Amino acid sequence: DAKYRTIKVPHMADSITEGTLKSWAKLVGEQVEQDEEVASIETDKVDIPVNSPVGGVIRELLAKEEDTVVVGQDLFKIEEGAAVEGGAAKPKAEEPSAPKQSESAAPAPVAQAAKPAAAPKEAVVAPAAAPAPAKESKPAVSASSPVSFGTAERSERRVKMNRMRLRISERLKQSQNTAASLTTFNEIDMSNLIDLRKTYKDDVLKTHGVKLGYMGAFVKASTHALQAVPEVNASIEGDQLVYYDYCDVSVAVATPKGLVTPVLRNTERMSIVDVEQEIANLGKKARDNKITVEDMAGGTFTISNGGVFGSLYGTPIINMPQAAILGMHAIKERPVVVNGKIEIRPMMYVALSYDHRIIDGREAVTFLVKLKEVIEDPRRLLLSV
């Protein structure tokens, strides 16, 4: 007797009740193994994979791609324990026969990639018609437009914002509307940290299996400064100020769908190498689209490194409900005065955007000075000074 089972949209997180069904990994008639992914649901924070709790054959899909689905809703039916006749290879051959379904419901990045592909074709057609004498082609082009850039068309594309981008937009605007935001700056001589990295990066890689970058030092220096200036490690709840005795540092990571901020927890207990290892793990999860809501929950302070993209100077937006965010920037050689002499040093501008409702200028400047002292002389971390 065939045993059919209806699989529902799973619980995703306490704060998530619905999502958008982005794609089906399995179609009707295809074999699925236990715990194999059947669908992917996009939420405003992360993409949630839907795995089959049992093995069998998919018999019915109860929602379409791009539909909004809620927790507990019927999603698909599976014939438990069934097997595809003639092996599992046959259903795979059916996929090319239904290109419209897979193409129309593909995620936004794929759809975007398809359209630009059409433009080069048109650009190729124009030169193809040009074997005619140059004298004839020139008047034809100039008659329609005084300047030609390879195509007469001026197209535009409209792409629906995904849930994560909508949520990011909402939170950033909420931050601007809520916080009394202000930014203070400083500059850091990176010479000693660069020398430290050059000296020990090979040993760290051999011993710990992780590349030694600059983020580990900045997270530890920030933690040191947070402990020295507790107002920066705080938030507002109602009419109360909440000061955190632990340091959970959110690190901004760019992904194809938008910016995510996974959290390094209890950085006051971690070494620089521990931080680098955790950043590598979280970064890989984010890029592989496997980061979870739990990975991004909480956080008492945020670091954003625009320097990896070449940013020289910027004012980051506070990640509410946190009180401040540190912006790192590109390292550039500049002439500076050292002991009364002009020298070329690798310098970095740093910015601290902070909520003036919680933090006064004195505390904000003190925080950056503490950070600067530790980065310019990493030995201070060993002495906690």
Protein backbone atom coordinates (compact mmCIF):
# COMPACT_ATOMS: atom_id res chain seq x y z
CA ASP A 1 0.00 0.00 0.00
CA ALA A 2 1.28 3.42 -0.96
CA LYS A 3 1.90 5.68 2.01
CA TYR A 4 1.55 9.36 1.19
CA ARG A 5 2.81 12.05 3.54
CA THR A 6 2.25 15.81 3.39
CA ILE A 7 5.30 17.87 4.37
CA LYS A 8 4.67 21.31 5.83
CA VAL A 9 6.71 24.52 5.88
CA PRO A 10 9.06 24.03 8.87
CA HIS A 11 9.61 26.33 11.82
CA MET A 12 12.30 28.80 10.74
CA ALA A 13 12.98 31.07 13.73
CA ASP A 14 11.07 32.76 16.53
CA SER A 15 10.92 36.04 14.60
CA ILE A 16 10.16 34.52 11.17
CA THR A 17 6.63 33.45 10.30
CA GLU A 18 6.70 33.51 6.49
CA GLY A 19 8.99 33.51 3.50
CA THR A 20 9.16 33.33 -0.29
CA LEU A 21 9.48 29.92 -1.95
CA LYS A 22 12.49 30.61 -4.17
CA SER A 23 13.14 27.26 -5.80
CA TRP A 24 12.27 23.59 -5.92
CA ALA A 25 15.31 21.31 -5.84
CA LYS A 26 13.08 18.32 -6.64
CA LEU A 27 10.12 18.06 -9.02
CA VAL A 28 7.12 15.74 -9.20
CA GLY A 29 8.17 12.16 -9.89
CA GLU A 30 11.72 12.57 -8.68
CA GLN A 31 13.40 10.41 -6.08
CA VAL A 32 14.40 12.07 -2.81
CA GLU A 33 16.49 10.67 0.01
CA GLN A 34 15.90 11.26 3.71
CA ASP A 35 17.23 14.70 4.80
CA GLU A 36 17.79 15.71 1.17
CA GLU A 37 16.89 19.29 0.23
CA VAL A 38 13.60 19.62 -1.63
CA ALA A 39 13.02 23.38 -1.61
CA SER A 40 14.53 26.69 -0.51
CA ILE A 41 12.59 29.43 1.27
CA GLU A 42 13.93 32.99 1.28
CA THR A 43 13.33 35.04 4.42
CA ASP A 44 14.31 38.58 5.34
CA LYS A 45 17.40 37.23 7.13
CA VAL A 46 18.60 33.96 5.57
CA ASP A 47 17.55 31.28 3.07
CA ILE A 48 16.01 28.26 4.79
CA PRO A 49 16.45 24.83 3.14
CA VAL A 50 13.48 22.47 3.39
CA ASN A 51 14.65 18.87 3.70
CA SER A 52 12.52 15.78 3.36
CA PRO A 53 12.11 13.91 6.67
CA VAL A 54 11.69 10.63 4.77
CA GLY A 55 12.88 9.01 1.57
CA GLY A 56 10.53 8.44 -1.33
CA VAL A 57 9.13 9.98 -4.51
CA ILE A 58 7.67 13.50 -4.82
CA ARG A 59 4.02 13.18 -5.90
CA GLU A 60 2.67 16.75 -5.65
CA LEU A 61 3.98 20.27 -5.16
CA LEU A 62 1.51 22.38 -3.20
CA ALA A 63 3.07 25.80 -3.82
CA LYS A 64 4.66 27.62 -6.74
CA GLU A 65 8.01 29.33 -6.87
CA GLU A 66 7.80 32.99 -5.72
CA ASP A 67 4.71 32.18 -3.61
CA THR A 68 4.62 33.48 -0.05
CA VAL A 69 4.44 30.54 2.35
CA VAL A 70 3.83 30.55 6.10
CA VAL A 71 5.08 28.24 8.83
CA GLY A 72 2.88 25.14 9.05
CA GLN A 73 1.49 25.44 5.52
CA ASP A 74 1.30 22.28 3.37
CA LEU A 75 4.27 22.35 0.98
CA PHE A 76 4.54 19.05 -0.90
CA LYS A 77 3.37 15.42 -0.86
CA ILE A 78 5.74 12.46 -0.91
CA GLU A 79 5.12 8.75 -1.37
CA GLU A 80 7.13 7.37 1.50
CA GLY A 81 9.49 4.50 0.69
CA ALA A 82 8.66 4.56 -3.03
CA ALA A 83 11.31 4.33 -5.74
CA VAL A 84 11.34 5.60 -9.31
CA GLU A 85 10.85 2.85 -11.87
CA GLY A 86 13.99 2.11 -13.82
CA GLY A 87 16.21 4.00 -11.38
CA ALA A 88 16.59 7.62 -10.37
CA ALA A 89 18.19 8.73 -13.62
CA LYS A 90 14.90 9.04 -15.58
CA PRO A 91 13.39 12.00 -13.72
CA LYS A 92 16.62 13.94 -14.20
CA ALA A 93 16.16 13.65 -17.96
CA GLU A 94 12.74 15.31 -17.66
CA GLU A 95 14.22 18.59 -16.34
CA PRO A 96 15.37 19.93 -19.75
CA SER A 97 11.84 19.37 -21.16
CA ALA A 98 10.48 22.00 -18.79
CA PRO A 99 12.87 24.92 -19.16
CA LYS A 100 10.13 27.52 -18.74
CA GLN A 101 9.35 26.46 -15.20
CA SER A 102 12.97 26.55 -14.03
CA GLU A 103 13.82 29.76 -15.86
CA SER A 104 10.82 31.82 -14.85
CA ALA A 105 11.13 30.90 -11.21
CA ALA A 106 14.88 31.28 -10.93
CA PRO A 107 16.27 33.58 -8.23
CA ALA A 108 16.69 37.25 -9.09
CA PRO A 109 20.49 37.08 -9.63
CA VAL A 110 20.00 34.46 -12.35
CA ALA A 111 17.31 36.51 -14.03
CA GLN A 112 19.59 39.51 -14.01
CA ALA A 113 22.36 37.51 -15.59
CA ALA A 114 20.07 36.41 -18.43
CA LYS A 115 19.21 39.91 -19.60
CA PRO A 116 22.69 41.33 -19.94
CA ALA A 117 23.45 38.29 -22.10
CA ALA A 118 20.96 39.57 -24.68
CA ALA A 119 22.71 42.93 -25.07
CA PRO A 120 25.94 41.57 -26.53
CA LYS A 121 23.91 39.80 -29.25
CA GLU A 122 22.46 43.11 -30.40
CA ALA A 123 25.89 44.69 -30.25
CA VAL A 124 27.17 41.94 -32.54
CA VAL A 125 24.29 42.35 -35.01
CA ALA A 126 25.10 46.03 -35.59
CA PRO A 127 28.67 45.41 -36.79
CA ALA A 128 27.41 42.44 -38.83
CA ALA A 129 25.34 44.81 -40.94
CA ALA A 130 28.39 47.00 -41.46
CA PRO A 131 30.18 45.13 -44.25
CA ALA A 132 28.49 47.69 -46.50
CA PRO A 133 30.66 50.67 -47.48
CA ALA A 134 31.48 52.97 -44.58
CA LYS A 135 30.10 55.97 -46.46
CA GLU A 136 26.59 54.49 -46.46
CA SER A 137 26.59 53.37 -42.80
CA LYS A 138 27.79 56.68 -41.36
CA PRO A 139 24.91 58.87 -42.59
CA ALA A 140 22.39 56.24 -41.42
CA VAL A 141 23.76 56.35 -37.87
CA SER A 142 24.16 60.12 -37.71
CA ALA A 143 20.62 60.68 -38.98
CA SER A 144 19.09 58.95 -35.99
CA SER A 145 21.57 60.09 -33.36
CA PRO A 146 24.54 62.44 -33.36
CA VAL A 147 26.53 60.08 -31.13
CA SER A 148 26.49 56.27 -31.33
CA PHE A 149 27.67 53.99 -28.51
CA GLY A 150 27.28 50.72 -30.39
CA THR A 151 23.48 50.36 -30.04
CA ALA A 152 20.48 52.60 -30.62
CA GLU A 153 18.47 50.99 -27.81
CA ARG A 154 18.16 52.49 -24.31
CA SER A 155 16.73 49.69 -22.18
CA GLU A 156 16.11 49.38 -18.47
CA ARG A 157 15.40 46.48 -16.16
CA ARG A 158 13.14 46.20 -13.14
CA VAL A 159 13.98 43.49 -10.61
CA LYS A 160 11.89 42.75 -7.55
CA MET A 161 13.80 43.34 -4.32
CA ASN A 162 14.40 40.14 -2.40
CA ARG A 163 13.29 39.86 1.20
CA MET A 164 16.77 40.37 2.60
CA ARG A 165 17.29 43.59 0.63
CA LEU A 166 13.87 44.87 1.75
CA ARG A 167 14.73 44.10 5.36
CA ILE A 168 18.14 45.77 5.08
CA SER A 169 16.49 48.88 3.62
CA GLU A 170 13.95 48.94 6.42
CA ARG A 171 16.54 48.55 9.20
CA LEU A 172 18.96 51.13 7.80
CA LYS A 173 16.20 53.71 7.47
CA GLN A 174 14.99 52.85 10.97
CA SER A 175 18.52 53.47 12.25
CA GLN A 176 18.67 56.90 10.61
CA ASN A 177 15.25 57.84 11.96
CA THR A 178 15.86 56.59 15.51
CA ALA A 179 19.48 57.18 16.49
CA ALA A 180 21.05 60.58 17.11
CA SER A 181 23.87 59.49 14.82
CA LEU A 182 27.26 61.17 14.78
CA THR A 183 30.65 60.08 13.42
CA THR A 184 34.16 60.72 14.71
CA PHE A 185 37.42 59.84 12.96
CA ASN A 186 41.03 58.97 13.62
CA GLU A 187 43.98 57.58 11.67
CA ILE A 188 46.17 54.62 12.51
CA ASP A 189 49.76 53.84 11.58
CA MET A 190 49.58 50.20 10.51
CA SER A 191 53.35 49.61 10.38
CA ASN A 192 53.69 47.44 13.51
CA LEU A 193 50.60 45.35 12.76
CA ILE A 194 51.78 44.77 9.19
CA ASP A 195 55.21 43.68 10.49
CA LEU A 196 53.52 41.37 13.02
CA ARG A 197 51.46 39.78 10.29
CA LYS A 198 54.44 39.33 7.96
CA THR A 199 56.50 37.73 10.73
CA TYR A 200 53.93 35.22 11.99
CA LYS A 201 51.41 34.58 9.20
CA ASP A 202 53.21 31.44 7.98
CA ASP A 203 53.53 30.02 11.50
CA VAL A 204 49.86 30.74 12.21
CA LEU A 205 48.80 29.05 8.98
CA LYS A 206 50.94 26.00 9.70
CA THR A 207 49.90 25.69 13.36
CA HIS A 208 46.25 26.73 13.25
CA GLY A 209 45.29 26.30 9.60
CA VAL A 210 43.98 29.85 9.22
CA LYS A 211 45.28 32.92 7.43
CA LEU A 212 46.29 35.79 9.70
CA GLY A 213 44.56 38.96 8.54
CA TYR A 214 43.85 42.32 10.13
CA MET A 215 40.29 41.67 11.31
CA GLY A 216 41.41 39.50 14.23
CA ALA A 217 43.55 42.32 15.60
CA PHE A 218 40.82 44.93 15.07
CA VAL A 219 38.21 42.76 16.80
CA LYS A 220 40.51 42.25 19.79
CA ALA A 221 41.49 45.93 19.85
CA SER A 222 37.80 46.89 19.70
CA THR A 223 37.04 44.48 22.53
CA HIS A 224 39.81 46.06 24.58
CA ALA A 225 38.34 49.51 23.90
CA LEU A 226 34.77 48.34 24.64
CA GLN A 227 35.86 47.15 28.06
CA ALA A 228 37.60 50.45 28.70
CA VAL A 229 34.62 52.52 27.50
CA PRO A 230 31.47 50.55 28.46
CA GLU A 231 29.11 53.22 27.08
CA VAL A 232 30.01 52.06 23.56
CA ASN A 233 29.00 48.50 24.49
CA ALA A 234 25.42 49.38 25.40
CA SER A 235 21.91 49.87 24.02
CA ILE A 236 18.61 51.53 24.88
CA GLU A 237 15.54 49.51 25.91
CA GLY A 238 12.57 51.72 26.66
CA ASP A 239 13.72 54.27 29.24
CA GLN A 240 16.67 52.17 30.37
CA LEU A 241 20.32 51.92 29.31
CA VAL A 242 21.57 48.33 29.07
CA TYR A 243 25.33 47.84 29.57
CA TYR A 244 26.74 44.50 28.45
CA ASP A 245 29.50 42.84 30.48
CA TYR A 246 30.33 40.62 27.49
CA CYS A 247 31.42 41.58 23.98
CA ASP A 248 29.52 40.09 21.02
CA VAL A 249 31.00 41.67 17.90
CA SER A 250 29.02 41.62 14.66
CA VAL A 251 31.20 41.49 11.54
CA ALA A 252 29.70 42.77 8.31
CA VAL A 253 30.06 40.23 5.47
CA ALA A 254 29.06 40.97 1.86
CA THR A 255 27.05 38.24 0.11
CA PRO A 256 25.43 38.14 -3.35
CA LYS A 257 22.04 38.88 -1.78
CA GLY A 258 23.16 41.66 0.55
CA LEU A 259 25.04 42.49 3.71
CA VAL A 260 24.81 40.10 6.66
CA THR A 261 26.30 40.54 10.13
CA PRO A 262 27.20 37.22 11.78
CA VAL A 263 28.19 37.54 15.43
CA LEU A 264 31.45 36.63 17.15
CA ARG A 265 30.37 35.80 20.70
CA ASN A 266 32.38 36.52 23.85
CA THR A 267 35.34 38.02 22.03
CA GLU A 268 36.78 39.02 25.41
CA ARG A 269 37.63 35.32 25.86
CA MET A 270 39.09 34.83 22.39
CA SER A 271 42.62 35.24 21.05
CA ILE A 272 43.41 36.92 17.74
CA VAL A 273 43.77 33.49 16.13
CA ASP A 274 40.44 32.34 17.62
CA VAL A 275 38.78 35.39 16.08
CA GLU A 276 40.34 34.73 12.67
CA GLN A 277 39.16 31.11 12.75
CA GLU A 278 35.60 32.06 13.64
CA ILE A 279 35.50 34.81 11.00
CA ALA A 280 36.67 32.30 8.38
CA ASN A 281 33.97 29.82 9.43
CA LEU A 282 31.16 32.40 9.44
CA GLY A 283 32.34 33.97 6.20
CA LYS A 284 32.28 30.62 4.42
CA LYS A 285 28.80 29.87 5.74
CA ALA A 286 27.58 33.27 4.54
CA ARG A 287 29.03 32.86 1.05
CA ASP A 288 27.66 29.29 0.80
CA ASN A 289 24.24 30.58 1.83
CA LYS A 290 24.28 28.32 4.88
CA ILE A 291 24.33 30.94 7.60
CA THR A 292 21.53 30.62 10.15
CA VAL A 293 19.38 33.13 12.01
CA GLU A 294 21.13 32.09 15.22
CA ASP A 295 24.50 33.07 13.71
CA MET A 296 23.27 36.65 13.28
CA ALA A 297 21.17 37.06 16.42
CA GLY A 298 22.30 39.60 18.99
CA GLY A 299 25.56 41.50 18.83
CA THR A 300 26.60 44.43 21.00
CA PHE A 301 28.97 46.19 18.54
CA THR A 302 29.64 46.01 14.79
CA ILE A 303 32.75 46.29 12.61
CA SER A 304 32.45 47.02 8.89
CA ASN A 305 35.57 46.76 6.70
CA GLY A 306 35.02 48.81 3.57
CA GLY A 307 38.76 48.75 2.99
CA VAL A 308 38.54 45.38 1.28
CA PHE A 309 36.71 47.18 -1.56
CA GLY A 310 39.13 50.10 -1.60
CA SER A 311 37.13 52.60 0.48
CA LEU A 312 39.33 55.40 1.78
CA TYR A 313 36.82 57.19 3.97
CA GLY A 314 33.22 56.62 5.02
CA THR A 315 30.56 56.98 7.70
CA PRO A 316 28.94 53.62 8.54
CA ILE A 317 25.31 53.41 9.65
CA ILE A 318 24.64 52.12 13.18
CA ASN A 319 23.33 48.57 13.39
CA MET A 320 20.37 49.10 15.71
CA PRO A 321 19.81 48.57 18.60
CA GLN A 322 23.59 48.76 19.08
CA ALA A 323 25.14 52.05 20.15
CA ALA A 324 28.06 52.23 17.69
CA ILE A 325 29.76 50.78 14.62
CA LEU A 326 33.43 50.89 13.62
CA GLY A 327 34.33 51.51 9.98
CA MET A 328 37.70 50.27 8.72
CA HIS A 329 39.14 51.57 5.45
CA ALA A 330 41.89 50.96 2.95
CA ILE A 331 45.56 51.07 3.97
CA LYS A 332 47.38 53.77 1.98
CA GLU A 333 50.94 55.01 2.19
CA ARG A 334 51.01 58.66 3.21
CA PRO A 335 53.62 61.13 4.45
CA VAL A 336 53.36 61.58 8.24
CA VAL A 337 55.49 63.28 10.87
CA VAL A 338 57.37 60.79 13.09
CA ASN A 339 59.69 62.19 15.76
CA GLY A 340 59.94 65.49 13.93
CA LYS A 341 60.72 63.88 10.55
CA ILE A 342 58.49 63.22 7.54
CA GLU A 343 58.21 59.51 6.77
CA ILE A 344 56.07 57.42 4.44
CA ARG A 345 53.87 55.15 6.56
CA PRO A 346 50.96 52.76 5.79
CA MET A 347 47.96 54.60 7.24
CA MET A 348 44.31 53.74 7.74
CA TYR A 349 41.41 56.04 8.50
CA VAL A 350 38.93 54.64 11.01
CA ALA A 351 35.45 55.96 11.72
CA LEU A 352 33.15 55.42 14.69
CA SER A 353 29.48 56.19 14.10
CA TYR A 354 27.70 56.35 17.45
CA ASP A 355 24.30 57.07 18.99
CA HIS A 356 24.64 60.39 20.82
CA ARG A 357 21.68 59.43 23.03
CA ILE A 358 23.99 56.92 24.74
CA ILE A 359 27.54 58.02 23.96
CA ASP A 360 29.02 61.49 24.39
CA GLY A 361 31.86 62.82 22.29
CA ARG A 362 34.40 62.19 25.03
CA GLU A 363 33.61 58.47 25.16
CA ALA A 364 33.57 58.14 21.35
CA VAL A 365 36.96 59.82 20.95
CA THR A 366 38.42 57.85 23.86
CA PHE A 367 37.27 54.61 22.23
CA LEU A 368 39.07 55.40 18.98
CA VAL A 369 42.22 56.50 20.85
CA LYS A 370 42.26 53.17 22.76
CA LEU A 371 41.79 51.31 19.47
CA LYS A 372 44.57 53.30 17.81
CA GLU A 373 46.99 52.64 20.70
CA VAL A 374 46.50 48.88 20.55
CA ILE A 375 46.73 48.60 16.75
CA GLU A 376 49.88 50.73 16.65
CA ASP A 377 51.42 48.70 19.49
CA PRO A 378 49.84 45.20 19.61
CA ARG A 379 51.96 44.32 22.67
CA ARG A 380 49.43 46.28 24.74
CA LEU A 381 47.02 43.36 24.35
CA LEU A 382 49.42 41.12 26.27
CA LEU A 383 49.65 43.63 29.12
CA SER A 384 45.96 44.75 29.01
CA VAL A 385 46.99 48.42 28.96
